[in-house]
């Protein structure tokens, strides 16, 4: 939704009538996506309700509402709220003096309906509470080892203590919702003088991207749904009613820790390539023959080791490589910086448009430049995904080029 659906909606708003390669117009594509995604969402949450929740409960893993807790757990939850949650909450009133806040993309929020006495009248108001991303979405209740694993959803915890956030009011109801925004970067590569600055400017605009989807809890009243849709400039087509926890990816928190080992698959550990496993001099091994690596079933360590060896090898003259997602390549980045310090010519093509890693790549690219690496910020008309490295080495029999193509 952040990219593809956002792009399709942009085409619709721009009155693009040309058909894509599949023969569909933008409007037809949008409708087809809606139908398919709604079925997928229904299947996903049916699996959660009918299969996963009962199966987890059978294994002693439960999701509880604050109202279900005994006095001891309730006391612990209250302390947790005031010590960990309350300090980072910011309730936002919605009225003529306080317009609807700019909500972060895919953040979990709670819309609250309340009433309060004002000038001798009882008036209804609305407010929004954003669930902080710095807090775990699942709050694990204290249990002795070997006992059940009980969790409370953070949104339910916040809802349980709304009276603390809005003193002097009567809480009529609260409902969680989530907004997805268009996060595509719109850059005309043919018309920009500096791709780095263009990407930085678009990253700033991304925070204010148009809303493309609204997810609400199933029990959200119709008037609340319409109020949110109107505020976000969306229609019923963009509304997804969810019968379960919003953003189920955060449920992966139940896998943290070492409890319930019988419910886990044995972790897969990729082996080192048999052809390189016992080689201390990778260049000597590669001079003998080419080596085929099958990632991720064989470890990427061999490639990293080749770069690290190149950085300190006096015979290496130059290293040229591509970087797509630098966040997972810190050892590679470190090797490139060491290579420069050791007097080697180093060039790196850093893809600035790596989806949702743009800011990270910009930061690393600048650090590489400061270290002396010649950085190329992508190629006009192309997006560099592939991992490729060229190492130029002065062997005893002359200049030789060692290449990794991924």
Protein backbone atom coordinates (compact mmCIF):
# COMPACT_ATOMS: atom_id res chain seq x y z
CA UNK A 1 0.00 0.00 0.00
CA UNK A 2 2.79 2.41 0.82
CA UNK A 3 4.29 2.18 -2.65
CA UNK A 4 2.29 0.27 -5.25
CA UNK A 5 -1.22 1.26 -4.23
CA UNK A 6 0.00 4.78 -3.49
CA UNK A 7 1.38 4.96 -7.02
CA UNK A 8 -1.85 3.65 -8.55
CA UNK A 9 -3.94 6.19 -6.63
CA UNK A 10 -1.58 8.92 -7.81
CA UNK A 11 -2.24 7.84 -11.41
CA UNK A 12 -6.00 7.92 -10.81
CA UNK A 13 -5.82 11.42 -9.33
CA UNK A 14 -3.68 12.54 -12.29
CA UNK A 15 -6.32 11.18 -14.74
CA UNK A 16 -3.86 8.75 -16.34
CA UNK A 17 -5.95 6.72 -18.82
CA UNK A 18 -3.26 4.59 -20.47
CA UNK A 19 -3.47 0.87 -19.78
CA UNK A 20 -0.54 -0.92 -18.19
CA UNK A 21 1.11 -4.01 -19.68
CA UNK A 22 -1.59 -6.23 -18.13
CA UNK A 23 -4.26 -4.32 -20.04
CA UNK A 24 -5.80 -2.63 -16.99
CA UNK A 25 -6.33 1.04 -16.30
CA UNK A 26 -5.22 2.48 -12.96
CA UNK A 27 -8.82 2.42 -11.69
CA UNK A 28 -9.28 -1.22 -12.73
CA UNK A 29 -5.99 -2.13 -11.06
CA UNK A 30 -7.04 -0.38 -7.84
CA UNK A 31 -10.39 -2.23 -7.75
CA UNK A 32 -8.71 -5.59 -8.43
CA UNK A 33 -6.19 -4.97 -5.64
CA UNK A 34 -9.00 -4.06 -3.24
CA UNK A 35 -10.94 -7.25 -3.92
CA UNK A 36 -7.90 -9.47 -3.52
CA UNK A 37 -6.52 -7.71 -0.43
CA UNK A 38 -9.86 -7.81 1.37
CA UNK A 39 -9.98 -11.59 0.88
CA UNK A 40 -6.39 -11.88 2.10
CA UNK A 41 -7.10 -9.79 5.20
CA UNK A 42 -10.20 -11.85 6.01
CA UNK A 43 -8.22 -15.09 5.64
CA UNK A 44 -5.37 -13.71 7.73
CA UNK A 45 -7.50 -12.71 10.70
CA UNK A 46 -9.66 -15.82 10.46
CA UNK A 47 -6.45 -17.81 10.83
CA UNK A 48 -5.52 -15.67 13.84
CA UNK A 49 -8.88 -16.08 15.59
CA UNK A 50 -9.70 -19.68 14.73
CA UNK A 51 -6.29 -21.33 14.52
CA UNK A 52 -3.46 -19.39 16.14
CA UNK A 53 -5.15 -18.05 19.28
CA UNK A 54 -6.61 -21.45 20.33
CA UNK A 55 -3.34 -23.23 19.47
CA UNK A 56 -1.30 -20.74 21.50
CA UNK A 57 -3.71 -20.97 24.45
CA UNK A 58 -3.33 -24.75 24.39
CA UNK A 59 0.41 -24.18 24.85
CA UNK A 60 -0.08 -21.71 27.72
CA UNK A 61 0.36 -18.51 25.70
CA UNK A 62 -2.59 -16.17 26.26
CA UNK A 63 -3.65 -12.66 25.31
CA UNK A 64 -5.63 -11.04 28.11
CA UNK A 65 -7.68 -7.90 28.49
CA UNK A 66 -6.87 -5.73 31.54
CA UNK A 67 -10.38 -6.44 32.84
CA UNK A 68 -9.52 -10.16 33.04
CA UNK A 69 -6.57 -9.73 35.40
CA UNK A 70 -6.56 -10.56 39.09
CA UNK A 71 -5.64 -7.96 41.69
CA UNK A 72 -1.93 -8.83 41.69
CA UNK A 73 -1.61 -8.55 37.90
CA UNK A 74 -3.75 -5.41 37.87
CA UNK A 75 -1.45 -3.77 40.40
CA UNK A 76 1.62 -4.72 38.34
CA UNK A 77 0.00 -3.40 35.15
CA UNK A 78 -0.85 -0.09 36.83
CA UNK A 79 2.75 0.35 37.97
CA UNK A 80 3.97 -0.51 34.47
CA UNK A 81 1.61 2.06 32.98
CA UNK A 82 2.71 4.91 35.24
CA UNK A 83 6.42 4.04 35.10
CA UNK A 84 6.87 3.06 31.44
CA UNK A 85 3.87 4.16 29.39
CA UNK A 86 2.40 7.35 30.81
CA UNK A 87 5.61 9.44 30.50
CA UNK A 88 5.71 8.98 26.70
CA UNK A 89 2.00 9.48 25.95
CA UNK A 90 0.69 12.73 24.47
CA UNK A 91 -3.11 12.98 24.31
CA UNK A 92 -4.23 15.35 21.56
CA UNK A 93 -7.61 17.05 21.68
CA UNK A 94 -9.52 17.60 18.43
CA UNK A 95 -11.51 20.84 18.27
CA UNK A 96 -11.49 24.09 16.28
CA UNK A 97 -8.40 25.23 18.18
CA UNK A 98 -6.65 21.87 17.79
CA UNK A 99 -6.99 20.41 14.28
CA UNK A 100 -6.53 16.73 13.56
CA UNK A 101 -2.85 15.85 14.15
CA UNK A 102 -0.47 14.68 11.43
CA UNK A 103 -0.21 10.98 12.21
CA UNK A 104 2.90 8.97 11.45
CA UNK A 105 2.73 6.41 8.69
CA UNK A 106 1.49 3.02 9.96
CA UNK A 107 1.49 4.19 13.57
CA UNK A 108 -1.11 2.72 15.90
CA UNK A 109 -3.50 5.34 17.27
CA UNK A 110 -6.55 5.46 19.49
CA UNK A 111 -9.46 7.78 18.83
CA UNK A 112 -11.34 8.61 22.02
CA UNK A 113 -14.88 9.92 22.37
CA UNK A 114 -15.51 11.68 25.66
CA UNK A 115 -17.84 14.17 27.24
CA UNK A 116 -17.14 16.94 29.69
CA UNK A 117 -18.99 19.75 31.41
CA UNK A 118 -18.36 23.14 29.82
CA UNK A 119 -20.16 26.39 30.61
CA UNK A 120 -23.03 24.53 32.22
CA UNK A 121 -23.39 22.11 29.32
CA UNK A 122 -22.24 18.55 28.75
CA UNK A 123 -20.39 18.49 25.43
CA UNK A 124 -18.91 15.64 23.44
CA UNK A 125 -15.31 15.84 22.30
CA UNK A 126 -12.84 13.70 20.42
CA UNK A 127 -9.16 13.13 21.07
CA UNK A 128 -6.35 11.04 19.64
CA UNK A 129 -3.67 9.13 21.53
CA UNK A 130 -0.75 7.80 19.51
CA UNK A 131 0.74 4.52 20.69
CA UNK A 132 4.49 5.16 21.08
CA UNK A 133 6.67 3.02 18.84
CA UNK A 134 9.38 2.95 21.49
CA UNK A 135 7.24 0.65 23.63
CA UNK A 136 6.61 -3.06 23.00
CA UNK A 137 3.20 -3.67 21.47
CA UNK A 138 2.78 -6.73 23.69
CA UNK A 139 3.23 -6.27 27.43
CA UNK A 140 4.34 -9.50 29.05
CA UNK A 141 2.95 -10.12 32.52
CA UNK A 142 5.38 -11.43 35.17
CA UNK A 143 5.19 -15.20 35.47
CA UNK A 144 7.40 -17.81 37.10
CA UNK A 145 9.47 -19.97 34.79
CA UNK A 146 7.48 -22.91 33.48
CA UNK A 147 4.14 -21.15 33.86
CA UNK A 148 1.93 -19.62 31.19
CA UNK A 149 3.08 -16.72 29.03
CA UNK A 150 0.42 -14.02 29.39
CA UNK A 151 0.34 -10.79 27.39
CA UNK A 152 -1.71 -7.59 27.31
CA UNK A 153 -1.88 -5.55 24.12
CA UNK A 154 -0.41 -2.09 24.66
CA UNK A 155 -3.43 -0.45 23.02
CA UNK A 156 -5.76 -2.15 25.52
CA UNK A 157 -3.52 -1.11 28.38
CA UNK A 158 -3.67 2.54 27.26
CA UNK A 159 -7.42 2.31 26.81
CA UNK A 160 -7.79 0.92 30.31
CA UNK A 161 -6.14 4.02 31.80
CA UNK A 162 -7.69 6.71 29.58
CA UNK A 163 -9.36 8.31 32.59
CA UNK A 164 -5.88 9.24 33.79
CA UNK A 165 -5.12 10.98 30.48
CA UNK A 166 -8.41 12.88 30.42
CA UNK A 167 -9.25 13.82 34.03
CA UNK A 168 -12.60 15.44 34.60
CA UNK A 169 -14.17 13.75 31.58
CA UNK A 170 -16.34 10.72 30.97
CA UNK A 171 -14.91 8.25 28.47
CA UNK A 172 -17.67 7.16 26.09
CA UNK A 173 -15.52 4.83 24.03
CA UNK A 174 -12.18 4.31 22.36
CA UNK A 175 -11.14 2.55 19.17
CA UNK A 176 -7.78 1.84 17.63
CA UNK A 177 -6.95 2.71 14.04
CA UNK A 178 -3.97 2.83 11.71
CA UNK A 179 -3.21 5.02 8.70
CA UNK A 180 -0.99 3.99 5.79
CA UNK A 181 0.52 6.82 3.76
CA UNK A 182 1.92 6.99 0.26
CA UNK A 183 5.66 6.51 0.76
CA UNK A 184 6.80 6.40 -2.86
CA UNK A 185 9.60 8.81 -3.75
CA UNK A 186 8.84 10.85 -6.87
CA UNK A 187 12.12 11.82 -8.49
CA UNK A 188 12.60 12.80 -12.12
CA UNK A 189 16.17 11.58 -12.55
CA UNK A 190 16.46 13.30 -15.92
CA UNK A 191 15.62 16.64 -14.36
CA UNK A 192 17.70 16.72 -11.18
CA UNK A 193 21.18 18.16 -10.79
CA UNK A 194 21.92 16.41 -7.50
CA UNK A 195 20.32 13.02 -6.86
CA UNK A 196 21.42 13.04 -3.21
CA UNK A 197 19.63 16.31 -2.47
CA UNK A 198 16.58 15.22 -4.46
CA UNK A 199 16.24 12.02 -2.42
CA UNK A 200 16.71 13.94 0.85
CA UNK A 201 13.95 16.38 -0.11
CA UNK A 202 11.60 13.53 -1.03
CA UNK A 203 12.32 11.78 2.27
CA UNK A 204 11.15 14.92 4.05
CA UNK A 205 7.97 14.96 1.94
CA UNK A 206 7.34 11.26 2.62
CA UNK A 207 6.41 12.04 6.23
CA UNK A 208 3.45 14.04 4.94
CA UNK A 209 2.43 11.61 2.19
CA UNK A 210 -1.25 11.32 1.38
CA UNK A 211 -3.19 8.65 3.26
CA UNK A 212 -3.98 5.61 1.10
CA UNK A 213 -5.56 3.23 3.62
CA UNK A 214 -7.41 3.38 6.94
CA UNK A 215 -7.65 0.32 9.18
CA UNK A 216 -10.12 0.38 12.08
CA UNK A 217 -11.26 -2.09 14.70
CA UNK A 218 -14.44 -3.97 13.95
CA UNK A 219 -16.45 -2.32 16.73
CA UNK A 220 -15.61 1.25 15.61
CA UNK A 221 -18.95 3.13 15.28
CA UNK A 222 -19.98 4.36 11.86
CA UNK A 223 -19.75 8.02 12.86
CA UNK A 224 -16.14 7.52 14.00
CA UNK A 225 -15.29 5.75 10.76
CA UNK A 226 -16.77 8.56 8.69
CA UNK A 227 -15.01 11.22 10.78
CA UNK A 228 -11.64 9.56 10.21
CA UNK A 229 -12.26 9.00 6.50
CA UNK A 230 -13.27 12.63 6.03
CA UNK A 231 -10.28 13.96 7.94
CA UNK A 232 -7.87 11.80 5.94
CA UNK A 233 -9.58 12.56 2.60
CA UNK A 234 -10.36 8.89 2.03
CA UNK A 235 -13.50 7.03 0.95
CA UNK A 236 -15.16 3.75 1.93
CA UNK A 237 -13.01 2.09 -0.74
CA UNK A 238 -9.95 2.82 1.39
CA UNK A 239 -11.44 1.51 4.65
CA UNK A 240 -10.44 -1.90 6.04
CA UNK A 241 -12.35 -3.18 9.07
CA UNK A 242 -10.13 -5.49 11.12
CA UNK A 243 -11.40 -8.25 13.39
CA UNK A 244 -8.22 -8.68 15.38
CA UNK A 245 -5.06 -6.82 16.40
CA UNK A 246 -3.96 -4.08 14.02
CA UNK A 247 -0.49 -4.58 12.53
CA UNK A 248 -0.06 -8.32 13.22
CA UNK A 249 3.67 -8.13 12.45
CA UNK A 250 4.19 -6.86 16.01
CA UNK A 251 2.87 -10.21 17.26
CA UNK A 252 6.29 -11.65 16.50
CA UNK A 253 7.26 -10.37 19.95
CA UNK A 254 5.88 -13.60 21.41
CA UNK A 255 8.87 -15.36 19.82
CA UNK A 256 11.34 -13.31 21.85
CA UNK A 257 13.13 -15.03 24.68
CA UNK A 258 13.90 -18.73 25.05
CA UNK A 259 10.53 -19.96 26.31
CA UNK A 260 8.54 -22.72 24.57
CA UNK A 261 11.46 -24.28 22.64
CA UNK A 262 9.18 -27.13 21.57
CA UNK A 263 7.16 -24.67 19.46
CA UNK A 264 10.15 -23.42 17.47
CA UNK A 265 11.82 -24.69 14.35
CA UNK A 266 15.52 -25.31 14.75
CA UNK A 267 17.32 -22.20 13.48
CA UNK A 268 18.91 -22.57 10.08
CA UNK A 269 22.62 -21.78 10.10
CA UNK A 270 24.03 -21.35 6.62
CA UNK A 271 27.33 -23.21 6.20
CA UNK A 272 30.45 -21.75 4.67
CA UNK A 273 31.11 -22.83 1.11
CA UNK A 274 32.96 -26.16 1.12
CA UNK A 275 35.25 -24.81 -1.60
CA UNK A 276 36.44 -21.94 0.64
CA UNK A 277 35.89 -23.26 4.16
CA UNK A 278 39.50 -24.23 4.85
CA UNK A 279 41.17 -21.58 2.73
CA UNK A 280 43.20 -18.95 4.58
CA UNK A 281 44.17 -17.22 1.32
CA UNK A 282 41.01 -16.64 -0.70
CA UNK A 283 42.92 -15.18 -3.63
CA UNK A 284 44.97 -18.36 -3.96
CA UNK A 285 41.78 -20.43 -3.97
CA UNK A 286 40.14 -18.23 -6.61
CA UNK A 287 43.20 -18.40 -8.84
CA UNK A 288 42.68 -22.15 -9.00
CA UNK A 289 39.03 -22.04 -10.11
CA UNK A 290 35.77 -20.15 -10.04
CA UNK A 291 33.50 -20.72 -7.02
CA UNK A 292 29.69 -20.77 -7.13
CA UNK A 293 27.98 -19.66 -3.89
CA UNK A 294 24.28 -20.32 -3.31
CA UNK A 295 22.88 -17.65 -0.98
CA UNK A 296 21.21 -17.76 1.50
CA UNK A 297 21.83 -21.50 1.73
CA UNK A 298 25.57 -20.86 1.88
CA UNK A 299 26.92 -18.16 4.16
CA UNK A 300 27.78 -14.71 2.82
CA UNK A 301 30.80 -14.71 5.12
CA UNK A 302 33.05 -15.82 2.25
CA UNK A 303 32.31 -12.62 0.32
CA UNK A 304 32.83 -10.42 3.39
CA UNK A 305 36.08 -12.23 4.18
CA UNK A 306 37.30 -11.57 0.63
CA UNK A 307 36.71 -7.84 1.06
CA UNK A 308 38.31 -7.78 4.51
CA UNK A 309 41.34 -9.63 3.17
CA UNK A 310 41.51 -7.20 0.24
CA UNK A 311 41.50 -4.21 2.59
CA UNK A 312 44.80 -5.26 4.20
CA UNK A 313 46.48 -7.11 1.32
CA UNK A 314 49.47 -5.03 0.09
CA UNK A 315 49.04 -6.47 -3.42
CA UNK A 316 45.47 -5.18 -3.85
CA UNK A 317 45.40 -1.95 -5.83
CA UNK A 318 41.69 -1.15 -6.12
CA UNK A 319 38.26 -2.25 -4.93
CA UNK A 320 35.01 -1.39 -6.68
CA UNK A 321 31.69 -2.55 -5.29
CA UNK A 322 27.95 -1.92 -5.11
CA UNK A 323 25.95 -1.33 -1.92
CA UNK A 324 22.16 -1.62 -1.83
CA UNK A 325 21.13 -1.91 1.82
CA UNK A 326 24.04 -0.61 3.85
CA UNK A 327 22.36 -1.32 7.18
CA UNK A 328 23.25 -5.01 6.91
CA UNK A 329 26.66 -4.39 5.34
CA UNK A 330 28.51 -2.67 8.19
CA UNK A 331 31.48 -5.06 7.97
CA UNK A 332 31.71 -4.42 4.24
CA UNK A 333 31.58 -0.67 4.81
CA UNK A 334 34.29 -1.01 7.46
CA UNK A 335 36.47 -3.00 5.07
CA UNK A 336 36.11 -0.32 2.39
CA UNK A 337 37.17 2.39 4.85
CA UNK A 338 40.19 0.35 5.97
CA UNK A 339 41.16 -0.21 2.35
CA UNK A 340 41.27 3.56 1.78
CA UNK A 341 43.39 4.00 4.90
CA UNK A 342 45.79 1.42 3.45
CA UNK A 343 46.21 3.42 0.26
CA UNK A 344 43.91 1.53 -2.09
CA UNK A 345 41.64 3.09 -4.70
CA UNK A 346 38.08 2.38 -3.56
CA UNK A 347 34.85 3.11 -5.44
CA UNK A 348 31.35 2.28 -4.19
CA UNK A 349 28.04 2.62 -6.02
CA UNK A 350 25.53 3.36 -3.24
CA UNK A 351 21.91 2.97 -4.29
CA UNK A 352 20.11 5.91 -2.68
CA UNK A 353 16.68 4.59 -3.66
CA UNK A 354 16.82 1.33 -1.69
CA UNK A 355 13.22 1.20 -0.52
CA UNK A 356 12.88 2.52 3.08
CA UNK A 357 16.65 2.42 3.54
CA UNK A 358 17.25 5.73 1.77
CA UNK A 359 18.12 7.73 4.88
CA UNK A 360 20.42 4.98 6.15
CA UNK A 361 22.21 4.78 2.79
CA UNK A 362 22.67 8.56 2.64
CA UNK A 363 24.30 8.52 6.09
CA UNK A 364 26.67 5.68 5.18
CA UNK A 365 27.48 7.21 1.79
CA UNK A 366 28.59 10.42 3.48
CA UNK A 367 30.74 8.51 5.95
CA UNK A 368 32.36 6.62 3.07
CA UNK A 369 33.06 9.89 1.26
CA UNK A 370 34.59 11.42 4.37
CA UNK A 371 36.84 8.35 4.67
CA UNK A 372 38.06 8.88 1.12
CA UNK A 373 35.93 6.40 -0.82
CA UNK A 374 34.79 7.59 -4.24
CA UNK A 375 30.99 7.28 -3.97
CA UNK A 376 28.69 7.07 -6.99
CA UNK A 377 25.07 7.81 -6.07
CA UNK A 378 23.32 5.33 -8.33
CA UNK A 379 22.93 5.43 -12.10
CA UNK A 380 20.30 7.43 -14.00
CA UNK A 381 17.62 5.11 -15.32
CA UNK A 382 18.77 2.12 -13.27
CA UNK A 383 18.33 0.80 -9.76
CA UNK A 384 21.35 -1.13 -8.51
CA UNK A 385 20.14 -4.20 -6.60
CA UNK A 386 22.88 -6.70 -7.43
CA UNK A 387 25.90 -7.24 -5.24
CA UNK A 388 28.98 -6.90 -7.43
CA UNK A 389 32.62 -6.43 -6.50
CA UNK A 390 35.75 -6.00 -8.61
CA UNK A 391 39.13 -6.35 -6.91
CA UNK A 392 42.25 -5.39 -8.84
CA UNK A 393 45.37 -7.14 -7.54
CA UNK A 394 49.00 -7.08 -8.56
CA UNK A 395 49.82 -10.81 -8.62
CA UNK A 396 53.27 -12.23 -9.32
CA UNK A 397 52.32 -12.87 -12.96
CA UNK A 398 50.78 -9.42 -13.47
CA UNK A 399 47.55 -7.52 -12.85
CA UNK A 400 44.61 -9.82 -12.14
CA UNK A 401 40.96 -8.99 -11.55
CA UNK A 402 38.88 -10.91 -9.02
CA UNK A 403 35.13 -10.54 -9.38
CA UNK A 404 32.10 -11.37 -7.27
CA UNK A 405 28.77 -11.24 -9.11
CA UNK A 406 25.63 -11.73 -7.03
